[in-house]
Amino acid sequence: MQFGKLVNGEFKAFTGDYIRHNGRVYVNPTETTLRQLGYKPLTTAEYPEEREGYYITAVYTETDTAIVQSYEYVEIPAEENEFNDGGIE
């Protein structure tokens, strides 16, 4: 299970072996310790199908018990889309 925090809407995963918090170092923190330090488990979403003219971006929301991942389609502006035809000239 992956744990992390939301910082300005961006998911920051706990990926290390230790955490520095309030002058203490927690080595190989347990799930209980991570939760006590404000980390929450990540609930992931299935990656959606591609749509022409859109890119997909991950969106994270926080509940009382978890960080929930979802995806949204963002339209590629026409001026960017016309230069990205996948070909080489």
N, C-alpha and C. Protein backbone atom coordinates (compact mmCIF):
# COMPACT_ATOMS: atom_id res chain seq x y z
N MET A 1 0.85 -1.17 0.00
CA MET A 1 0.00 0.00 0.00
C MET A 1 0.90 1.24 0.00
N GLN A 2 0.60 2.17 -0.86
CA GLN A 2 1.39 3.39 -0.96
C GLN A 2 0.75 4.48 -0.09
N PHE A 3 1.60 5.17 0.66
CA PHE A 3 1.15 6.27 1.51
C PHE A 3 1.76 7.57 1.01
N GLY A 4 1.08 8.67 1.30
CA GLY A 4 1.60 9.97 0.93
C GLY A 4 0.75 11.07 1.53
N LYS A 5 1.07 12.29 1.09
CA LYS A 5 0.34 13.48 1.53
C LYS A 5 0.01 14.31 0.30
N LEU A 6 -1.02 15.14 0.43
CA LEU A 6 -1.33 16.12 -0.60
C LEU A 6 -0.69 17.44 -0.20
N VAL A 7 0.09 18.01 -1.11
CA VAL A 7 0.73 19.30 -0.89
C VAL A 7 0.34 20.19 -2.05
N ASN A 8 -0.48 21.19 -1.79
CA ASN A 8 -0.99 22.08 -2.84
C ASN A 8 -1.62 21.30 -3.99
N GLY A 9 -2.39 20.26 -3.66
CA GLY A 9 -3.08 19.47 -4.66
C GLY A 9 -2.24 18.42 -5.35
N GLU A 10 -0.95 18.35 -5.03
CA GLU A 10 -0.04 17.39 -5.65
C GLU A 10 0.25 16.26 -4.68
N PHE A 11 0.19 15.03 -5.17
CA PHE A 11 0.46 13.87 -4.33
C PHE A 11 1.96 13.72 -4.12
N LYS A 12 2.37 13.66 -2.87
CA LYS A 12 3.77 13.45 -2.51
C LYS A 12 3.85 12.10 -1.80
N ALA A 13 4.39 11.12 -2.50
CA ALA A 13 4.44 9.76 -1.97
C ALA A 13 5.56 9.61 -0.95
N PHE A 14 5.31 8.78 0.06
CA PHE A 14 6.38 8.39 0.98
C PHE A 14 7.14 7.28 0.27
N THR A 15 8.38 7.55 -0.10
CA THR A 15 9.15 6.58 -0.87
C THR A 15 10.44 6.17 -0.18
N GLY A 16 10.75 6.76 0.93
CA GLY A 16 12.03 6.49 1.58
C GLY A 16 11.95 5.44 2.66
N ASP A 17 13.02 5.38 3.41
CA ASP A 17 13.10 4.46 4.53
C ASP A 17 12.91 5.17 5.86
N TYR A 18 12.88 6.50 5.81
CA TYR A 18 12.75 7.25 7.06
C TYR A 18 12.01 8.55 6.83
N ILE A 19 11.53 9.12 7.93
CA ILE A 19 10.85 10.41 7.91
C ILE A 19 11.44 11.25 9.03
N ARG A 20 11.75 12.50 8.72
CA ARG A 20 12.13 13.48 9.76
C ARG A 20 10.89 14.30 10.07
N HIS A 21 10.52 14.34 11.35
CA HIS A 21 9.32 15.06 11.74
C HIS A 21 9.52 15.63 13.14
N ASN A 22 9.43 16.95 13.25
CA ASN A 22 9.57 17.63 14.55
C ASN A 22 10.81 17.21 15.32
N GLY A 23 11.94 17.16 14.61
CA GLY A 23 13.20 16.84 15.27
C GLY A 23 13.45 15.37 15.52
N ARG A 24 12.54 14.52 15.13
CA ARG A 24 12.71 13.07 15.30
C ARG A 24 12.89 12.41 13.95
N VAL A 25 13.54 11.27 13.97
CA VAL A 25 13.71 10.48 12.76
C VAL A 25 13.01 9.14 12.99
N TYR A 26 12.10 8.80 12.08
CA TYR A 26 11.38 7.54 12.13
C TYR A 26 11.94 6.65 11.03
N VAL A 27 12.63 5.57 11.42
CA VAL A 27 13.24 4.66 10.46
C VAL A 27 12.27 3.50 10.20
N ASN A 28 12.06 3.21 8.93
CA ASN A 28 11.10 2.16 8.51
C ASN A 28 9.78 2.29 9.27
N PRO A 29 9.11 3.42 9.12
CA PRO A 29 7.87 3.64 9.88
C PRO A 29 6.78 2.63 9.53
N THR A 30 6.05 2.25 10.54
CA THR A 30 4.92 1.34 10.33
C THR A 30 3.75 2.11 9.74
N GLU A 31 2.74 1.38 9.30
CA GLU A 31 1.53 2.01 8.78
C GLU A 31 0.90 2.91 9.85
N THR A 32 0.91 2.45 11.08
CA THR A 32 0.34 3.23 12.18
C THR A 32 1.11 4.54 12.36
N THR A 33 2.44 4.48 12.31
CA THR A 33 3.25 5.68 12.45
C THR A 33 3.00 6.64 11.30
N LEU A 34 2.94 6.11 10.08
CA LEU A 34 2.67 6.97 8.92
C LEU A 34 1.34 7.70 9.09
N ARG A 35 0.33 6.99 9.53
CA ARG A 35 -0.98 7.61 9.75
C ARG A 35 -0.90 8.68 10.84
N GLN A 36 -0.18 8.41 11.91
CA GLN A 36 -0.04 9.37 13.00
C GLN A 36 0.67 10.64 12.54
N LEU A 37 1.54 10.51 11.54
CA LEU A 37 2.28 11.66 11.02
C LEU A 37 1.55 12.36 9.88
N GLY A 38 0.31 11.94 9.63
CA GLY A 38 -0.51 12.63 8.63
C GLY A 38 -0.49 12.04 7.24
N TYR A 39 0.18 10.92 7.06
CA TYR A 39 0.19 10.25 5.77
C TYR A 39 -1.09 9.43 5.63
N LYS A 40 -1.55 9.30 4.39
CA LYS A 40 -2.77 8.55 4.13
C LYS A 40 -2.52 7.59 2.98
N PRO A 41 -3.25 6.47 2.96
CA PRO A 41 -3.09 5.54 1.85
C PRO A 41 -3.67 6.12 0.56
N LEU A 42 -3.07 5.74 -0.55
CA LEU A 42 -3.53 6.19 -1.86
C LEU A 42 -4.48 5.15 -2.45
N THR A 43 -5.66 5.60 -2.84
CA THR A 43 -6.61 4.77 -3.57
C THR A 43 -6.46 5.13 -5.04
N THR A 44 -5.98 4.19 -5.83
CA THR A 44 -5.70 4.50 -7.24
C THR A 44 -6.91 4.23 -8.12
N ALA A 45 -6.89 4.85 -9.29
CA ALA A 45 -7.95 4.68 -10.29
C ALA A 45 -7.35 4.05 -11.54
N GLU A 46 -8.18 3.38 -12.30
CA GLU A 46 -7.73 2.80 -13.56
C GLU A 46 -7.48 3.91 -14.57
N TYR A 47 -6.38 3.79 -15.31
CA TYR A 47 -6.03 4.80 -16.31
C TYR A 47 -7.05 4.74 -17.45
N PRO A 48 -7.62 5.88 -17.83
CA PRO A 48 -8.66 5.88 -18.87
C PRO A 48 -8.09 5.74 -20.28
N GLU A 49 -8.99 5.50 -21.22
CA GLU A 49 -8.59 5.41 -22.62
C GLU A 49 -8.21 6.78 -23.15
N GLU A 50 -7.29 6.79 -24.08
CA GLU A 50 -6.87 8.03 -24.72
C GLU A 50 -8.01 8.58 -25.57
N ARG A 51 -8.07 9.90 -25.69
CA ARG A 51 -9.02 10.57 -26.59
C ARG A 51 -8.23 11.54 -27.45
N GLU A 52 -8.52 11.53 -28.72
CA GLU A 52 -7.82 12.44 -29.63
C GLU A 52 -8.12 13.88 -29.25
N GLY A 53 -7.07 14.70 -29.21
CA GLY A 53 -7.23 16.11 -28.89
C GLY A 53 -7.20 16.41 -27.40
N TYR A 54 -6.94 15.39 -26.57
CA TYR A 54 -6.91 15.57 -25.12
C TYR A 54 -5.68 14.89 -24.54
N TYR A 55 -5.21 15.41 -23.43
CA TYR A 55 -4.25 14.66 -22.64
C TYR A 55 -4.90 14.35 -21.31
N ILE A 56 -4.34 13.37 -20.62
CA ILE A 56 -4.93 12.89 -19.37
C ILE A 56 -4.04 13.32 -18.22
N THR A 57 -4.65 13.84 -17.18
CA THR A 57 -3.89 14.25 -16.01
C THR A 57 -4.51 13.64 -14.75
N ALA A 58 -3.65 13.28 -13.82
CA ALA A 58 -4.13 12.72 -12.55
C ALA A 58 -4.59 13.86 -11.65
N VAL A 59 -5.66 13.59 -10.92
CA VAL A 59 -6.22 14.54 -9.96
C VAL A 59 -6.34 13.80 -8.63
N TYR A 60 -5.96 14.48 -7.55
CA TYR A 60 -5.99 13.85 -6.23
C TYR A 60 -6.90 14.66 -5.30
N THR A 61 -7.73 13.94 -4.56
CA THR A 61 -8.56 14.56 -3.54
C THR A 61 -8.31 13.83 -2.23
N GLU A 62 -8.58 14.52 -1.15
CA GLU A 62 -8.32 13.96 0.17
C GLU A 62 -9.62 13.78 0.94
N THR A 63 -9.76 12.61 1.54
CA THR A 63 -10.88 12.35 2.43
C THR A 63 -10.32 12.26 3.85
N ASP A 64 -11.16 11.94 4.79
CA ASP A 64 -10.69 11.79 6.17
C ASP A 64 -9.72 10.63 6.32
N THR A 65 -9.83 9.63 5.45
CA THR A 65 -9.04 8.41 5.64
C THR A 65 -8.10 8.06 4.50
N ALA A 66 -8.20 8.74 3.35
CA ALA A 66 -7.38 8.35 2.20
C ALA A 66 -7.17 9.52 1.25
N ILE A 67 -6.24 9.31 0.34
CA ILE A 67 -6.06 10.20 -0.80
C ILE A 67 -6.55 9.42 -2.01
N VAL A 68 -7.46 10.01 -2.77
CA VAL A 68 -8.12 9.31 -3.87
C VAL A 68 -7.66 9.90 -5.19
N GLN A 69 -7.17 9.03 -6.06
CA GLN A 69 -6.71 9.43 -7.38
C GLN A 69 -7.85 9.27 -8.38
N SER A 70 -7.97 10.22 -9.28
CA SER A 70 -8.87 10.10 -10.43
C SER A 70 -8.16 10.75 -11.61
N TYR A 71 -8.76 10.68 -12.76
CA TYR A 71 -8.16 11.26 -13.95
C TYR A 71 -9.16 12.18 -14.62
N GLU A 72 -8.63 13.16 -15.33
CA GLU A 72 -9.49 14.02 -16.11
C GLU A 72 -8.84 14.29 -17.46
N TYR A 73 -9.71 14.52 -18.44
CA TYR A 73 -9.25 14.86 -19.78
C TYR A 73 -9.10 16.37 -19.87
N VAL A 74 -7.99 16.80 -20.45
CA VAL A 74 -7.75 18.22 -20.66
C VAL A 74 -7.53 18.43 -22.16
N GLU A 75 -8.31 19.32 -22.71
CA GLU A 75 -8.22 19.57 -24.15
C GLU A 75 -6.88 20.22 -24.49
N ILE A 76 -6.26 19.69 -25.54
CA ILE A 76 -5.01 20.27 -26.02
C ILE A 76 -5.38 21.48 -26.86
N PRO A 77 -4.83 22.65 -26.54
CA PRO A 77 -5.15 23.84 -27.34
C PRO A 77 -4.78 23.62 -28.81
N ALA A 78 -5.57 24.15 -29.70
CA ALA A 78 -5.39 23.94 -31.13
C ALA A 78 -3.99 24.29 -31.60
N GLU A 79 -3.41 25.37 -31.10
CA GLU A 79 -2.07 25.77 -31.55
C GLU A 79 -1.01 24.76 -31.16
N GLU A 80 -1.19 24.05 -30.04
CA GLU A 80 -0.24 23.00 -29.66
C GLU A 80 -0.51 21.73 -30.46
N ASN A 81 -1.76 21.42 -30.68
CA ASN A 81 -2.15 20.19 -31.35
C ASN A 81 -1.67 20.16 -32.80
N GLU A 82 -1.68 21.28 -33.50
CA GLU A 82 -1.31 21.29 -34.90
C GLU A 82 0.18 21.06 -35.12
N PHE A 83 1.01 21.30 -34.09
CA PHE A 83 2.45 21.06 -34.22
C PHE A 83 2.86 19.68 -33.74
N ASN A 84 1.95 18.91 -33.24
CA ASN A 84 2.27 17.61 -32.67
C ASN A 84 1.53 16.52 -33.45
N ASP A 85 1.88 16.35 -34.72
CA ASP A 85 1.19 15.35 -35.53
C ASP A 85 1.89 14.00 -35.49
N GLY A 86 2.96 13.89 -34.72
CA GLY A 86 3.65 12.62 -34.57
C GLY A 86 4.61 12.30 -35.71
N GLY A 87 4.65 13.13 -36.72
CA GLY A 87 5.54 12.87 -37.86
C GLY A 87 6.84 13.63 -37.75
N ILE A 88 7.79 13.21 -38.57
CA ILE A 88 9.08 13.89 -38.62
C ILE A 88 9.25 14.43 -40.02
N GLU A 89 9.62 15.68 -40.12
CA GLU A 89 9.81 16.28 -41.44
C GLU A 89 11.27 16.42 -41.74
